[in-house]
């Protein structure tokens, strides 16, 4: 039924317009009480936090922390908001988001459009003050576009100061392909001062780093060693890819930006296997990228993921899908 509605109403619209319609509908449904989170059984503890289930929504869907409650009501045990930057920024010019339905995939080059750390920090503070029944809230932080790479550590530090107090955990994003030069910060010599700056200001909150699927294995292994050296909480993998392996050659696939969807699954699983082999059990792994079915979500846990995140699958599978995944992961 959802797929029929998707083809009738959303397919004719561009991806960003569709997202805005869904955003408005979710907020309205939550406000009038149609969407309410119920208490769920079998809570688990990860990172010292109590999660209602292992399923989370990856960063990028709720960029400005305005959908936490309705997304919780859909069944997500945690919601990662952002990416949040110190400076508010409009993102890249439109169009900047594209659906590829034949592959259940998306291409986006949004460019960290968000209201800025000060505004989002206050929004989350109000949310916590007004409501108690909330999911675990992660805040994904990134580099402001106007900041030079040499000043990235201070930029991440400033953002952390504004959002750490209202975050349950922090995700350091150095892997989006849509901010010029950002992925270069995954090199250990650049990444170390950024992570140290976030650790200095995190107020004891768990800190994870989110990495790209396009990292070579040797570079990925170096990041995992750094995670251990700095005693980070763990790693999130993966972000979107700039590669177009495994998909066709239609014109839309030539659009610049990060590709997400089932095409990411193989590399995401490969990196999950590496990380679980290299990291001691106490380091947390959040697996995201290419999860498009219950079976695939459960597989990630069997392969060693502590938590599983989705994004593109929600767009193609619909609002009833998260509950099915959460239930399967609980069992």
Protein backbone atom coordinates (compact mmCIF):
# COMPACT_ATOMS: atom_id res chain seq x y z
CA UNK A 1 0.00 0.00 0.00
CA UNK A 2 2.77 2.44 0.93
CA UNK A 3 4.61 1.74 -2.30
CA UNK A 4 1.44 2.55 -4.27
CA UNK A 5 1.01 5.84 -2.39
CA UNK A 6 4.68 6.61 -2.92
CA UNK A 7 4.37 6.14 -6.68
CA UNK A 8 1.16 8.17 -6.86
CA UNK A 9 2.01 11.13 -4.66
CA UNK A 10 5.75 11.38 -4.04
CA UNK A 11 7.38 10.01 -7.17
CA UNK A 12 6.20 12.96 -9.34
CA UNK A 13 7.70 15.42 -6.82
CA UNK A 14 11.38 16.18 -6.39
CA UNK A 15 13.02 14.52 -3.40
CA UNK A 16 13.48 17.63 -1.28
CA UNK A 17 9.87 18.76 -1.73
CA UNK A 18 8.68 15.28 -0.77
CA UNK A 19 10.84 15.40 2.35
CA UNK A 20 9.35 18.75 3.38
CA UNK A 21 5.82 17.36 2.98
CA UNK A 22 6.68 14.35 5.13
CA UNK A 23 8.39 16.61 7.66
CA UNK A 24 5.25 18.75 7.99
CA UNK A 25 2.96 15.73 8.18
CA UNK A 26 5.02 14.11 10.93
CA UNK A 27 5.09 17.27 13.01
CA UNK A 28 1.36 17.80 12.59
CA UNK A 29 0.54 14.18 13.43
CA UNK A 30 2.64 14.43 16.57
CA UNK A 31 1.11 17.74 17.61
CA UNK A 32 -2.50 16.52 17.34
CA UNK A 33 -1.71 13.22 19.05
CA UNK A 34 -2.04 10.85 16.10
CA UNK A 35 1.60 9.82 16.54
CA UNK A 36 2.49 8.89 20.09
CA UNK A 37 5.39 6.86 21.35
CA UNK A 38 4.39 3.89 23.46
CA UNK A 39 6.55 2.25 26.08
CA UNK A 40 8.49 -0.60 24.55
CA UNK A 41 9.82 -3.73 26.15
CA UNK A 42 13.31 -5.25 26.35
CA UNK A 43 15.39 -2.09 26.72
CA UNK A 44 19.12 -2.52 26.20
CA UNK A 45 22.15 -0.66 27.49
CA UNK A 46 24.74 0.59 25.01
CA UNK A 47 27.31 3.32 25.74
CA UNK A 48 25.89 3.43 29.26
CA UNK A 49 22.57 4.65 27.81
CA UNK A 50 19.20 2.93 27.94
CA UNK A 51 17.86 2.28 24.42
CA UNK A 52 14.30 1.08 23.84
CA UNK A 53 15.58 -0.99 20.93
CA UNK A 54 18.62 -1.31 18.65
CA UNK A 55 17.15 0.66 15.74
CA UNK A 56 18.01 4.27 15.07
CA UNK A 57 17.48 6.86 12.38
CA UNK A 58 20.74 8.05 10.85
CA UNK A 59 21.75 11.68 10.60
CA UNK A 60 20.43 13.74 7.71
CA UNK A 61 16.70 13.14 8.04
CA UNK A 62 16.11 15.43 11.03
CA UNK A 63 18.71 18.08 10.36
CA UNK A 64 17.32 20.66 12.77
CA UNK A 65 16.05 18.49 15.65
CA UNK A 66 12.39 19.17 14.90
CA UNK A 67 11.16 15.58 14.40
CA UNK A 68 12.51 13.70 17.40
CA UNK A 69 9.13 12.91 18.96
CA UNK A 70 7.28 11.77 15.81
CA UNK A 71 10.27 9.67 14.74
CA UNK A 72 10.31 8.10 18.19
CA UNK A 73 6.62 7.30 17.73
CA UNK A 74 7.41 5.49 14.46
CA UNK A 75 9.52 3.04 16.45
CA UNK A 76 13.06 4.40 16.52
CA UNK A 77 14.97 3.77 19.73
CA UNK A 78 17.38 6.57 18.93
CA UNK A 79 17.41 9.53 16.58
CA UNK A 80 20.64 11.12 15.38
CA UNK A 81 19.93 14.76 14.53
CA UNK A 82 22.02 16.98 12.29
CA UNK A 83 24.53 17.30 10.82
CA UNK A 84 24.90 20.41 13.03
CA UNK A 85 27.54 23.04 12.31
CA UNK A 86 28.62 25.98 14.46
CA UNK A 87 27.52 28.48 11.81
CA UNK A 88 24.00 28.28 10.43
CA UNK A 89 24.20 27.61 6.71
CA UNK A 90 21.79 27.16 3.80
CA UNK A 91 23.61 24.24 2.18
CA UNK A 92 24.27 23.76 -1.50
CA UNK A 93 22.14 25.22 -4.31
CA UNK A 94 19.02 23.30 -5.38
CA UNK A 95 18.36 20.79 -6.79
CA UNK A 96 20.48 18.80 -4.34
CA UNK A 97 18.56 15.60 -3.64
CA UNK A 98 17.61 12.93 -6.18
CA UNK A 99 15.73 9.63 -5.95
CA UNK A 100 16.72 6.59 -8.00
CA UNK A 101 13.69 4.31 -7.48
CA UNK A 102 14.97 1.44 -9.63
CA UNK A 103 17.72 0.96 -7.02
CA UNK A 104 15.78 2.20 -3.94
CA UNK A 105 18.59 4.72 -3.72
CA UNK A 106 19.18 8.42 -3.17
CA UNK A 107 21.82 10.90 -4.22
CA UNK A 108 22.17 13.98 -2.05
CA UNK A 109 24.50 16.94 -1.98
CA UNK A 110 22.61 18.91 0.66
CA UNK A 111 25.77 20.44 2.13
CA UNK A 112 24.98 20.45 5.87
CA UNK A 113 22.04 22.85 5.64
CA UNK A 114 21.02 23.54 9.25
CA UNK A 115 20.01 26.25 11.71
CA UNK A 116 23.35 26.28 13.51
CA UNK A 117 24.52 24.88 16.83
CA UNK A 118 23.19 27.69 19.03
CA UNK A 119 19.63 27.41 17.72
CA UNK A 120 19.58 23.61 17.63
CA UNK A 121 21.10 23.41 21.12
CA UNK A 122 18.32 25.61 22.51
CA UNK A 123 15.70 23.59 20.59
CA UNK A 124 16.91 20.34 22.14
CA UNK A 125 17.07 21.97 25.57
CA UNK A 126 13.41 22.97 25.26
CA UNK A 127 12.47 19.50 24.00
CA UNK A 128 14.05 17.89 27.06
CA UNK A 129 12.42 20.42 29.36
CA UNK A 130 8.93 19.88 27.90
CA UNK A 131 8.93 16.09 27.42
CA UNK A 132 10.25 13.09 29.32
CA UNK A 133 9.30 10.26 26.96
CA UNK A 134 12.06 10.68 24.42
CA UNK A 135 14.38 8.35 22.53
CA UNK A 136 18.14 8.48 22.90
CA UNK A 137 19.23 11.60 21.01
CA UNK A 138 22.55 11.70 19.21
CA UNK A 139 23.89 14.94 17.77
CA UNK A 140 25.94 14.61 14.60
CA UNK A 141 28.39 17.50 14.23
CA UNK A 142 30.32 18.67 11.20
CA UNK A 143 32.61 21.42 9.91
CA UNK A 144 31.13 24.76 8.94
CA UNK A 145 31.58 25.43 5.25
CA UNK A 146 33.18 28.85 5.77
CA UNK A 147 35.85 27.44 8.10
CA UNK A 148 39.21 26.48 6.63
CA UNK A 149 40.44 22.93 7.18
CA UNK A 150 43.32 24.20 9.34
CA UNK A 151 40.77 25.66 11.77
CA UNK A 152 38.47 22.62 11.79
CA UNK A 153 39.36 21.46 15.31
CA UNK A 154 38.34 24.80 16.82
CA UNK A 155 35.11 24.77 14.80
CA UNK A 156 34.19 21.30 16.06
CA UNK A 157 35.15 22.40 19.59
CA UNK A 158 32.82 25.40 19.43
CA UNK A 159 29.91 23.28 18.21
CA UNK A 160 30.50 20.69 20.90
CA UNK A 161 30.37 23.36 23.60
CA UNK A 162 26.89 24.34 22.44
CA UNK A 163 25.30 20.91 21.99
CA UNK A 164 27.06 18.48 24.36
CA UNK A 165 24.82 19.32 27.30
CA UNK A 166 21.66 18.36 25.38
CA UNK A 167 23.05 15.33 23.51
CA UNK A 168 23.01 11.76 24.74
CA UNK A 169 25.96 11.06 22.46
CA UNK A 170 28.00 12.93 19.85
CA UNK A 171 28.84 11.73 16.35
CA UNK A 172 31.79 13.44 14.66
CA UNK A 173 31.09 13.64 10.95
CA UNK A 174 34.22 13.90 8.82
CA UNK A 175 32.88 11.77 6.00
CA UNK A 176 30.19 13.62 4.09
CA UNK A 177 31.17 14.10 0.44
CA UNK A 178 29.23 17.36 0.18
CA UNK A 179 31.42 19.80 2.11
CA UNK A 180 34.63 20.62 0.19
CA UNK A 181 37.70 19.13 1.86
CA UNK A 182 35.78 17.45 4.67
CA UNK A 183 36.77 13.89 3.81
CA UNK A 184 40.44 14.87 3.93
CA UNK A 185 39.93 15.28 7.67
CA UNK A 186 39.63 11.50 7.97
CA UNK A 187 43.40 11.27 7.63
CA UNK A 188 44.71 10.49 11.10
CA UNK A 189 46.99 13.52 11.36
CA UNK A 190 43.99 15.81 10.67
CA UNK A 191 41.44 13.74 12.57
CA UNK A 192 43.33 13.46 15.85
CA UNK A 193 43.08 17.16 16.88
CA UNK A 194 39.40 17.26 15.86
CA UNK A 195 38.50 14.26 17.99
CA UNK A 196 40.60 15.53 20.87
CA UNK A 197 38.81 18.90 20.73
CA UNK A 198 35.42 17.18 20.87
CA UNK A 199 36.56 14.96 23.74
CA UNK A 200 37.76 18.03 25.64
CA UNK A 201 34.30 19.61 25.47
CA UNK A 202 31.95 16.59 25.44
CA UNK A 203 31.00 16.83 29.14
CA UNK A 204 31.47 13.11 29.56
CA UNK A 205 29.06 12.21 26.74
CA UNK A 206 29.95 9.27 24.46
CA UNK A 207 31.83 10.32 21.32
CA UNK A 208 31.87 8.31 18.09
CA UNK A 209 33.37 9.07 14.68
CA UNK A 210 31.42 8.51 11.46
CA UNK A 211 33.49 7.32 8.51
CA UNK A 212 33.17 7.00 4.75
CA UNK A 213 32.69 3.75 2.83
CA UNK A 214 35.23 5.06 0.35
CA UNK A 215 38.12 4.83 2.80
CA UNK A 216 40.79 2.33 1.77
CA UNK A 217 41.13 -0.51 4.25
CA UNK A 218 44.53 0.70 5.46
CA UNK A 219 43.15 4.17 6.15
CA UNK A 220 40.12 2.69 7.90
CA UNK A 221 42.40 0.56 10.08
CA UNK A 222 44.35 3.69 11.00
CA UNK A 223 41.12 5.39 12.08
CA UNK A 224 40.19 2.36 14.19
CA UNK A 225 43.59 2.52 15.89
CA UNK A 226 43.04 6.21 16.59
CA UNK A 227 39.63 5.42 18.09
CA UNK A 228 41.40 3.09 20.51
CA UNK A 229 44.31 5.46 21.21
CA UNK A 230 41.95 8.29 22.15
CA UNK A 231 39.51 5.98 23.96
CA UNK A 232 36.55 7.13 21.90
CA UNK A 233 33.29 5.32 22.52
CA UNK A 234 33.20 3.83 19.04
CA UNK A 235 32.59 4.23 15.33
CA UNK A 236 29.64 4.74 12.98
CA UNK A 237 29.89 3.36 9.48
CA UNK A 238 29.15 4.23 6.85
CA UNK A 239 28.27 7.56 5.33
CA UNK A 240 27.24 7.89 1.67
CA UNK A 241 29.53 7.04 -1.24
CA UNK A 242 30.75 9.03 -4.22
CA UNK A 243 31.29 5.79 -6.16
CA UNK A 244 28.71 4.47 -8.58
CA UNK A 245 29.74 0.80 -8.61
CA UNK A 246 26.87 -1.65 -8.94
CA UNK A 247 24.41 0.79 -10.46
CA UNK A 248 23.59 1.66 -14.04
CA UNK A 249 24.58 4.58 -16.18
CA UNK A 250 21.40 6.67 -16.28
CA UNK A 251 21.79 10.44 -16.42
CA UNK A 252 20.67 10.98 -12.82
CA UNK A 253 23.50 8.77 -11.56
CA UNK A 254 25.89 11.36 -12.99
CA UNK A 255 24.67 13.88 -10.44
CA UNK A 256 27.33 14.83 -7.92
CA UNK A 257 26.76 13.87 -4.30
CA UNK A 258 26.61 10.96 -1.92
CA UNK A 259 24.81 7.80 -3.01
CA UNK A 260 22.86 5.82 -0.40
CA UNK A 261 20.65 2.75 -0.43
CA UNK A 262 21.16 -1.00 -0.94
CA UNK A 263 24.24 -0.38 -3.08
CA UNK A 264 26.08 0.51 0.15
CA UNK A 265 25.33 -2.80 1.87
CA UNK A 266 28.33 -4.83 0.71
CA UNK A 267 30.93 -2.24 1.74
CA UNK A 268 29.11 -1.43 4.96
CA UNK A 269 29.14 -5.11 5.95
CA UNK A 270 32.79 -5.45 4.93
CA UNK A 271 33.75 -2.54 7.18
CA UNK A 272 31.60 -3.91 10.00
CA UNK A 273 33.51 -7.19 9.87
CA UNK A 274 36.84 -5.35 9.95
CA UNK A 275 35.82 -3.09 12.82
CA UNK A 276 34.46 -5.89 14.96
CA UNK A 277 37.65 -7.86 14.39
CA UNK A 278 39.95 -4.96 15.21
CA UNK A 279 38.08 -3.27 18.05
CA UNK A 280 37.73 -4.80 21.51
CA UNK A 281 34.15 -5.57 22.48
CA UNK A 282 33.83 -2.51 24.71
CA UNK A 283 34.05 -0.22 21.67
CA UNK A 284 30.62 0.46 20.20
CA UNK A 285 29.81 -0.09 16.53
CA UNK A 286 26.79 1.53 14.91
CA UNK A 287 26.17 0.02 11.47
CA UNK A 288 24.41 2.11 8.84
CA UNK A 289 24.33 1.93 5.06
CA UNK A 290 22.27 -0.26 2.78
CA UNK A 291 19.89 -1.74 5.35
CA UNK A 292 16.68 -2.32 3.41
CA UNK A 293 15.02 -5.33 5.09
CA UNK A 294 14.43 -6.97 8.44
CA UNK A 295 16.84 -9.76 7.51
CA UNK A 296 19.60 -7.27 6.73
CA UNK A 297 19.07 -5.39 9.98
CA UNK A 298 19.30 -8.59 12.02
CA UNK A 299 22.39 -9.63 10.06
CA UNK A 300 24.21 -6.48 11.17
CA UNK A 301 23.68 -7.39 14.82
CA UNK A 302 24.82 -10.96 14.21
CA UNK A 303 27.98 -9.55 12.63
CA UNK A 304 28.73 -7.52 15.73
CA UNK A 305 26.92 -4.20 15.45
CA UNK A 306 25.65 -2.87 18.76
CA UNK A 307 23.10 -0.61 17.08
CA UNK A 308 21.70 -0.34 13.55
CA UNK A 309 20.67 2.84 11.76
CA UNK A 310 18.59 3.36 8.63
CA UNK A 311 17.68 6.33 6.46
CA UNK A 312 17.05 5.64 2.78
CA UNK A 313 15.11 2.46 3.58
CA UNK A 314 12.58 4.52 5.53
CA UNK A 315 11.86 6.63 2.46
CA UNK A 316 11.19 3.62 0.26
CA UNK A 317 9.62 1.27 2.83
CA UNK A 318 7.37 3.71 4.66
CA UNK A 319 6.36 4.66 8.22
CA UNK A 320 5.32 1.16 9.36
CA UNK A 321 8.76 -0.24 8.55
CA UNK A 322 10.70 0.93 11.65
CA UNK A 323 8.42 -0.95 14.05
CA UNK A 324 8.94 -4.17 12.11
CA UNK A 325 12.70 -3.72 12.22
CA UNK A 326 12.73 -2.78 15.90
CA UNK A 327 10.67 -5.83 16.80
CA UNK A 328 12.90 -8.16 14.80
CA UNK A 329 16.02 -6.71 16.43
CA UNK A 330 14.48 -7.12 19.88
CA UNK A 331 13.88 -10.80 19.19
